[in-house]
Amino acid sequence: FGKETPVTPLPPDQNPTVRPGEDIPLKGRFN
């Protein structure tokens, strides 16, 4: 208990990087 299990990172298209000050993209949603 308390030990973290390794997490597989999402592919880049599902987990886009966001720079500070940028909006998080809303895929498939009206802006």
All heavy atoms as atom14 arrays in JSON, in Angstrom:
{
  "sequence": "FGKETPVTPLPPDQNPTVRPGEDIPLKGRFN",
  "atom14_mask": [
    [1, 1, 1, 1, 1, 1, 1, 1, 1, 1, 1, 0, 0, 0],
    [1, 1, 1, 1, 0, 0, 0, 0, 0, 0, 0, 0, 0, 0],
    [1, 1, 1, 1, 1, 1, 1, 1, 1, 0, 0, 0, 0, 0],
    [1, 1, 1, 1, 1, 1, 1, 1, 1, 0, 0, 0, 0, 0],
    [1, 1, 1, 1, 1, 1, 1, 0, 0, 0, 0, 0, 0, 0],
    [1, 1, 1, 1, 1, 1, 1, 0, 0, 0, 0, 0, 0, 0],
    [1, 1, 1, 1, 1, 1, 1, 0, 0, 0, 0, 0, 0, 0],
    [1, 1, 1, 1, 1, 1, 1, 0, 0, 0, 0, 0, 0, 0],
    [1, 1, 1, 1, 1, 1, 1, 0, 0, 0, 0, 0, 0, 0],
    [1, 1, 1, 1, 1, 1, 1, 1, 0, 0, 0, 0, 0, 0],
    [1, 1, 1, 1, 1, 1, 1, 0, 0, 0, 0, 0, 0, 0],
    [1, 1, 1, 1, 1, 1, 1, 0, 0, 0, 0, 0, 0, 0],
    [1, 1, 1, 1, 1, 1, 1, 1, 0, 0, 0, 0, 0, 0],
    [1, 1, 1, 1, 1, 1, 1, 1, 1, 0, 0, 0, 0, 0],
    [1, 1, 1, 1, 1, 1, 1, 1, 0, 0, 0, 0, 0, 0],
    [1, 1, 1, 1, 1, 1, 1, 0, 0, 0, 0, 0, 0, 0],
    [1, 1, 1, 1, 1, 1, 1, 0, 0, 0, 0, 0, 0, 0],
    [1, 1, 1, 1, 1, 1, 1, 0, 0, 0, 0, 0, 0, 0],
    [1, 1, 1, 1, 1, 1, 1, 1, 1, 1, 1, 0, 0, 0],
    [1, 1, 1, 1, 1, 1, 1, 0, 0, 0, 0, 0, 0, 0],
    [1, 1, 1, 1, 0, 0, 0, 0, 0, 0, 0, 0, 0, 0],
    [1, 1, 1, 1, 1, 1, 1, 1, 1, 0, 0, 0, 0, 0],
    [1, 1, 1, 1, 1, 1, 1, 1, 0, 0, 0, 0, 0, 0],
    [1, 1, 1, 1, 1, 1, 1, 1, 0, 0, 0, 0, 0, 0],
    [1, 1, 1, 1, 1, 1, 1, 0, 0, 0, 0, 0, 0, 0],
    [1, 1, 1, 1, 1, 1, 1, 1, 0, 0, 0, 0, 0, 0],
    [1, 1, 1, 1, 1, 1, 1, 1, 1, 0, 0, 0, 0, 0],
    [1, 1, 1, 1, 0, 0, 0, 0, 0, 0, 0, 0, 0, 0],
    [1, 1, 1, 1, 1, 1, 1, 1, 1, 1, 1, 0, 0, 0],
    [1, 1, 1, 1, 1, 1, 1, 1, 1, 1, 1, 0, 0, 0],
    [1, 1, 1, 1, 1, 1, 1, 1, 0, 0, 0, 0, 0, 0]
  ],
  "atom14_positions": [
    [[0.83, -1.19, 0.0], [0.0, 0.0, 0.0], [0.88, 1.25, 0.0], [1.83, 1.36, 0.74], [-0.91, -0.01, 1.23], [-1.83, 1.17, 1.26], [-2.88, 1.26, 0.38], [-1.63, 2.2, 2.16], [-3.74, 2.35, 0.41], [-2.47, 3.29, 2.19], [-3.53, 3.36, 1.31], [0.0, 0.0, 0.0], [0.0, 0.0, 0.0], [0.0, 0.0, 0.0]],
    [[0.51, 2.19, -0.82], [1.27, 3.44, -0.89], [2.26, 3.44, -2.04], [2.74, 4.47, -2.45], [0.0, 0.0, 0.0], [0.0, 0.0, 0.0], [0.0, 0.0, 0.0], [0.0, 0.0, 0.0], [0.0, 0.0, 0.0], [0.0, 0.0, 0.0], [0.0, 0.0, 0.0], [0.0, 0.0, 0.0], [0.0, 0.0, 0.0], [0.0, 0.0, 0.0]],
    [[2.58, 2.25, -2.58], [3.49, 2.2, -3.72], [2.69, 2.44, -4.98], [1.62, 1.88, -5.17], [4.18, 0.84, -3.8], [5.13, 0.6, -2.65], [5.86, -0.7, -2.84], [6.83, -0.94, -1.69], [7.49, -2.24, -1.78], [0.0, 0.0, 0.0], [0.0, 0.0, 0.0], [0.0, 0.0, 0.0], [0.0, 0.0, 0.0], [0.0, 0.0, 0.0]],
    [[3.2, 3.28, -5.84], [2.49, 3.6, -7.06], [2.74, 2.53, -8.1], [3.85, 2.03, -8.25], [2.95, 4.96, -7.61], [2.53, 6.1, -6.73], [2.88, 7.44, -7.34], [3.14, 7.49, -8.54], [2.89, 8.42, -6.6], [0.0, 0.0, 0.0], [0.0, 0.0, 0.0], [0.0, 0.0, 0.0], [0.0, 0.0, 0.0], [0.0, 0.0, 0.0]],
    [[1.66, 2.2, -8.82], [1.81, 1.25, -9.92], [2.19, 2.05, -11.16], [1.72, 3.18, -11.35], [0.49, 0.49, -10.17], [-0.55, 1.43, -10.34], [0.17, -0.44, -9.02], [0.0, 0.0, 0.0], [0.0, 0.0, 0.0], [0.0, 0.0, 0.0], [0.0, 0.0, 0.0], [0.0, 0.0, 0.0], [0.0, 0.0, 0.0], [0.0, 0.0, 0.0]],
    [[3.04, 1.49, -12.03], [3.45, 2.24, -13.21], [2.26, 2.53, -14.13], [1.39, 1.69, -14.3], [4.46, 1.31, -13.9], [4.27, -0.02, -13.28], [3.63, 0.17, -11.96], [0.0, 0.0, 0.0], [0.0, 0.0, 0.0], [0.0, 0.0, 0.0], [0.0, 0.0, 0.0], [0.0, 0.0, 0.0], [0.0, 0.0, 0.0], [0.0, 0.0, 0.0]],
    [[2.22, 3.74, -14.68], [1.14, 4.16, -15.56], [1.69, 4.31, -16.97], [2.72, 4.94, -17.19], [0.56, 5.52, -15.09], [-0.53, 6.0, -16.03], [0.03, 5.41, -13.68], [0.0, 0.0, 0.0], [0.0, 0.0, 0.0], [0.0, 0.0, 0.0], [0.0, 0.0, 0.0], [0.0, 0.0, 0.0], [0.0, 0.0, 0.0], [0.0, 0.0, 0.0]],
    [[0.98, 3.71, -17.93], [1.38, 3.83, -19.32], [0.88, 5.16, -19.86], [-0.32, 5.44, -19.78], [0.76, 2.68, -20.16], [1.06, 1.46, -19.52], [1.28, 2.69, -21.58], [0.0, 0.0, 0.0], [0.0, 0.0, 0.0], [0.0, 0.0, 0.0], [0.0, 0.0, 0.0], [0.0, 0.0, 0.0], [0.0, 0.0, 0.0], [0.0, 0.0, 0.0]],
    [[1.77, 6.01, -20.39], [1.32, 7.32, -20.87], [0.43, 7.16, -22.11], [0.58, 6.23, -22.89], [2.62, 8.05, -21.21], [3.65, 7.0, -21.35], [3.19, 5.82, -20.53], [0.0, 0.0, 0.0], [0.0, 0.0, 0.0], [0.0, 0.0, 0.0], [0.0, 0.0, 0.0], [0.0, 0.0, 0.0], [0.0, 0.0, 0.0], [0.0, 0.0, 0.0]],
    [[-0.51, 8.11, -22.26], [-1.38, 8.11, -23.44], [-0.6, 8.54, -24.66], [0.36, 9.31, -24.56], [-2.54, 9.08, -23.23], [-3.58, 8.69, -22.18], [-4.53, 9.86, -21.94], [-4.35, 7.47, -22.6], [0.0, 0.0, 0.0], [0.0, 0.0, 0.0], [0.0, 0.0, 0.0], [0.0, 0.0, 0.0], [0.0, 0.0, 0.0], [0.0, 0.0, 0.0]],
    [[-1.03, 8.09, -25.85], [-0.38, 8.57, -27.07], [-0.58, 10.08, -27.22], [-1.56, 10.63, -26.7], [-1.09, 7.82, -28.2], [-2.15, 7.0, -27.58], [-2.05, 7.11, -26.1], [0.0, 0.0, 0.0], [0.0, 0.0, 0.0], [0.0, 0.0, 0.0], [0.0, 0.0, 0.0], [0.0, 0.0, 0.0], [0.0, 0.0, 0.0], [0.0, 0.0, 0.0]],
    [[0.33, 10.77, -27.92], [0.27, 12.24, -28.02], [-1.05, 12.79, -28.55], [-1.49, 13.85, -28.14], [1.42, 12.59, -28.98], [2.34, 11.43, -28.89], [1.5, 10.23, -28.58], [0.0, 0.0, 0.0], [0.0, 0.0, 0.0], [0.0, 0.0, 0.0], [0.0, 0.0, 0.0], [0.0, 0.0, 0.0], [0.0, 0.0, 0.0], [0.0, 0.0, 0.0]],
    [[-1.72, 12.06, -29.47], [-2.96, 12.59, -30.01], [-4.09, 12.56, -28.97], [-5.07, 13.3, -29.08], [-3.39, 11.82, -31.27], [-3.68, 10.35, -30.99], [-3.02, 9.78, -30.1], [-4.57, 9.79, -31.66], [0.0, 0.0, 0.0], [0.0, 0.0, 0.0], [0.0, 0.0, 0.0], [0.0, 0.0, 0.0], [0.0, 0.0, 0.0], [0.0, 0.0, 0.0]],
    [[-3.98, 11.71, -27.94], [-4.99, 11.66, -26.89], [-4.59, 12.49, -25.67], [-5.39, 12.73, -24.8], [-5.22, 10.21, -26.45], [-5.85, 9.36, -27.53], [-6.06, 7.94, -27.05], [-6.13, 7.68, -25.86], [-6.16, 7.02, -27.98], [0.0, 0.0, 0.0], [0.0, 0.0, 0.0], [0.0, 0.0, 0.0], [0.0, 0.0, 0.0], [0.0, 0.0, 0.0]],
    [[-3.33, 12.88, -25.6], [-2.85, 13.65, -24.46], [-1.96, 14.78, -24.97], [-0.75, 14.74, -24.82], [-2.08, 12.72, -23.52], [-1.74, 13.41, -22.21], [-2.32, 14.41, -21.87], [-0.77, 12.86, -21.5], [0.0, 0.0, 0.0], [0.0, 0.0, 0.0], [0.0, 0.0, 0.0], [0.0, 0.0, 0.0], [0.0, 0.0, 0.0], [0.0, 0.0, 0.0]],
    [[-2.57, 15.8, -25.6], [-1.76, 16.86, -26.18], [-1.07, 17.7, -25.11], [-1.61, 17.89, -24.03], [-2.77, 17.71, -26.96], [-4.07, 17.45, -26.26], [-3.98, 16.04, -25.73], [0.0, 0.0, 0.0], [0.0, 0.0, 0.0], [0.0, 0.0, 0.0], [0.0, 0.0, 0.0], [0.0, 0.0, 0.0], [0.0, 0.0, 0.0], [0.0, 0.0, 0.0]],
    [[0.13, 18.16, -25.44], [0.83, 19.04, -24.5], [0.28, 20.45, -24.63], [0.0, 20.92, -25.72], [2.35, 19.06, -24.79], [2.54, 19.16, -26.19], [3.02, 17.83, -24.27], [0.0, 0.0, 0.0], [0.0, 0.0, 0.0], [0.0, 0.0, 0.0], [0.0, 0.0, 0.0], [0.0, 0.0, 0.0], [0.0, 0.0, 0.0], [0.0, 0.0, 0.0]],
    [[0.11, 21.09, -23.51], [-0.42, 22.45, -23.49], [0.61, 23.34, -22.81], [1.07, 23.06, -21.72], [-1.76, 22.49, -22.7], [-2.3, 23.9, -22.67], [-2.76, 21.55, -23.32], [0.0, 0.0, 0.0], [0.0, 0.0, 0.0], [0.0, 0.0, 0.0], [0.0, 0.0, 0.0], [0.0, 0.0, 0.0], [0.0, 0.0, 0.0], [0.0, 0.0, 0.0]],
    [[0.98, 24.4, -23.5], [1.93, 25.34, -22.93], [1.21, 26.26, -21.97], [0.01, 26.51, -22.12], [2.58, 26.16, -24.06], [3.45, 25.33, -24.97], [4.1, 26.21, -26.05], [4.71, 25.4, -27.07], [4.1, 24.98, -28.17], [2.85, 25.33, -28.4], [4.73, 24.24, -29.05], [0.0, 0.0, 0.0], [0.0, 0.0, 0.0], [0.0, 0.0, 0.0]],
    [[1.91, 26.79, -20.97], [1.27, 27.72, -20.03], [0.62, 28.89, -20.76], [1.2, 29.46, -21.66], [2.43, 28.2, -19.15], [3.45, 27.12, -19.25], [3.31, 26.54, -20.63], [0.0, 0.0, 0.0], [0.0, 0.0, 0.0], [0.0, 0.0, 0.0], [0.0, 0.0, 0.0], [0.0, 0.0, 0.0], [0.0, 0.0, 0.0], [0.0, 0.0, 0.0]],
    [[-0.61, 29.19, -20.39], [-1.34, 30.29, -21.01], [-2.22, 29.86, -22.17], [-3.06, 30.62, -22.63], [0.0, 0.0, 0.0], [0.0, 0.0, 0.0], [0.0, 0.0, 0.0], [0.0, 0.0, 0.0], [0.0, 0.0, 0.0], [0.0, 0.0, 0.0], [0.0, 0.0, 0.0], [0.0, 0.0, 0.0], [0.0, 0.0, 0.0], [0.0, 0.0, 0.0]],
    [[-2.05, 28.63, -22.67], [-2.87, 28.13, -23.78], [-4.13, 27.47, -23.23], [-4.14, 26.95, -22.12], [-2.1, 27.09, -24.6], [-1.08, 27.66, -25.55], [-0.46, 26.58, -26.41], [-0.68, 25.38, -26.16], [0.26, 26.95, -27.34], [0.0, 0.0, 0.0], [0.0, 0.0, 0.0], [0.0, 0.0, 0.0], [0.0, 0.0, 0.0], [0.0, 0.0, 0.0]],
    [[-5.19, 27.48, -24.03], [-6.41, 26.77, -23.67], [-6.24, 25.29, -23.96], [-5.55, 24.91, -24.91], [-7.6, 27.3, -24.47], [-8.0, 28.7, -24.04], [-7.76, 29.03, -22.87], [-8.56, 29.44, -24.87], [0.0, 0.0, 0.0], [0.0, 0.0, 0.0], [0.0, 0.0, 0.0], [0.0, 0.0, 0.0], [0.0, 0.0, 0.0], [0.0, 0.0, 0.0]],
    [[-6.88, 24.46, -23.14], [-6.87, 23.03, -23.39], [-7.8, 22.77, -24.57], [-8.95, 23.21, -24.57], [-7.35, 22.25, -22.15], [-6.39, 22.51, -21.0], [-7.48, 20.77, -22.43], [-6.85, 21.97, -19.67], [0.0, 0.0, 0.0], [0.0, 0.0, 0.0], [0.0, 0.0, 0.0], [0.0, 0.0, 0.0], [0.0, 0.0, 0.0], [0.0, 0.0, 0.0]],
    [[-7.33, 22.07, -25.61], [-8.19, 21.86, -26.78], [-9.4, 21.0, -26.42], [-9.29, 20.07, -25.64], [-7.27, 21.14, -27.77], [-6.12, 20.63, -26.98], [-6.02, 21.47, -25.75], [0.0, 0.0, 0.0], [0.0, 0.0, 0.0], [0.0, 0.0, 0.0], [0.0, 0.0, 0.0], [0.0, 0.0, 0.0], [0.0, 0.0, 0.0], [0.0, 0.0, 0.0]],
    [[-10.55, 21.36, -26.97], [-11.77, 20.6, -26.75], [-12.1, 19.85, -28.04], [-12.73, 20.38, -28.93], [-12.92, 21.53, -26.37], [-12.73, 22.33, -25.09], [-13.84, 23.36, -24.93], [-12.7, 21.4, -23.89], [0.0, 0.0, 0.0], [0.0, 0.0, 0.0], [0.0, 0.0, 0.0], [0.0, 0.0, 0.0], [0.0, 0.0, 0.0], [0.0, 0.0, 0.0]],
    [[-11.62, 18.62, -28.12], [-11.81, 17.83, -29.33], [-13.29, 17.53, -29.53], [-13.95, 17.04, -28.64], [-11.01, 16.53, -29.21], [-10.97, 15.72, -30.47], [-10.06, 14.54, -30.3], [-9.96, 13.74, -31.58], [-9.12, 12.58, -31.42], [0.0, 0.0, 0.0], [0.0, 0.0, 0.0], [0.0, 0.0, 0.0], [0.0, 0.0, 0.0], [0.0, 0.0, 0.0]],
    [[-13.81, 17.85, -30.7], [-15.18, 17.54, -31.03], [-16.21, 18.39, -30.31], [-17.36, 18.04, -30.26], [0.0, 0.0, 0.0], [0.0, 0.0, 0.0], [0.0, 0.0, 0.0], [0.0, 0.0, 0.0], [0.0, 0.0, 0.0], [0.0, 0.0, 0.0], [0.0, 0.0, 0.0], [0.0, 0.0, 0.0], [0.0, 0.0, 0.0], [0.0, 0.0, 0.0]],
    [[-15.79, 19.53, -29.75], [-16.73, 20.38, -29.05], [-16.7, 21.78, -29.63], [-15.66, 22.26, -30.05], [-16.37, 20.43, -27.56], [-17.36, 21.24, -26.77], [-17.1, 21.12, -25.31], [-18.01, 22.04, -24.63], [-18.09, 22.15, -23.33], [-17.34, 21.43, -22.57], [-18.93, 23.0, -22.79], [0.0, 0.0, 0.0], [0.0, 0.0, 0.0], [0.0, 0.0, 0.0]],
    [[-17.86, 22.43, -29.67], [-17.93, 23.8, -30.17], [-17.19, 24.72, -29.21], [-17.24, 24.55, -28.01], [-19.39, 24.25, -30.27], [-20.13, 23.68, -31.44], [-20.63, 22.39, -31.39], [-20.33, 24.42, -32.58], [-21.32, 21.87, -32.46], [-21.02, 23.9, -33.65], [-21.51, 22.62, -33.59], [0.0, 0.0, 0.0], [0.0, 0.0, 0.0], [0.0, 0.0, 0.0]],
    [[-16.5, 25.69, -29.75], [-15.83, 26.7, -28.94], [-16.68, 27.97, -29.04], [-16.78, 28.57, -30.11], [-14.41, 26.94, -29.44], [-13.65, 27.92, -28.58], [-14.21, 28.59, -27.73], [-12.35, 28.02, -28.8], [0.0, 0.0, 0.0], [0.0, 0.0, 0.0], [0.0, 0.0, 0.0], [0.0, 0.0, 0.0], [0.0, 0.0, 0.0], [0.0, 0.0, 0.0]]
  ]
}
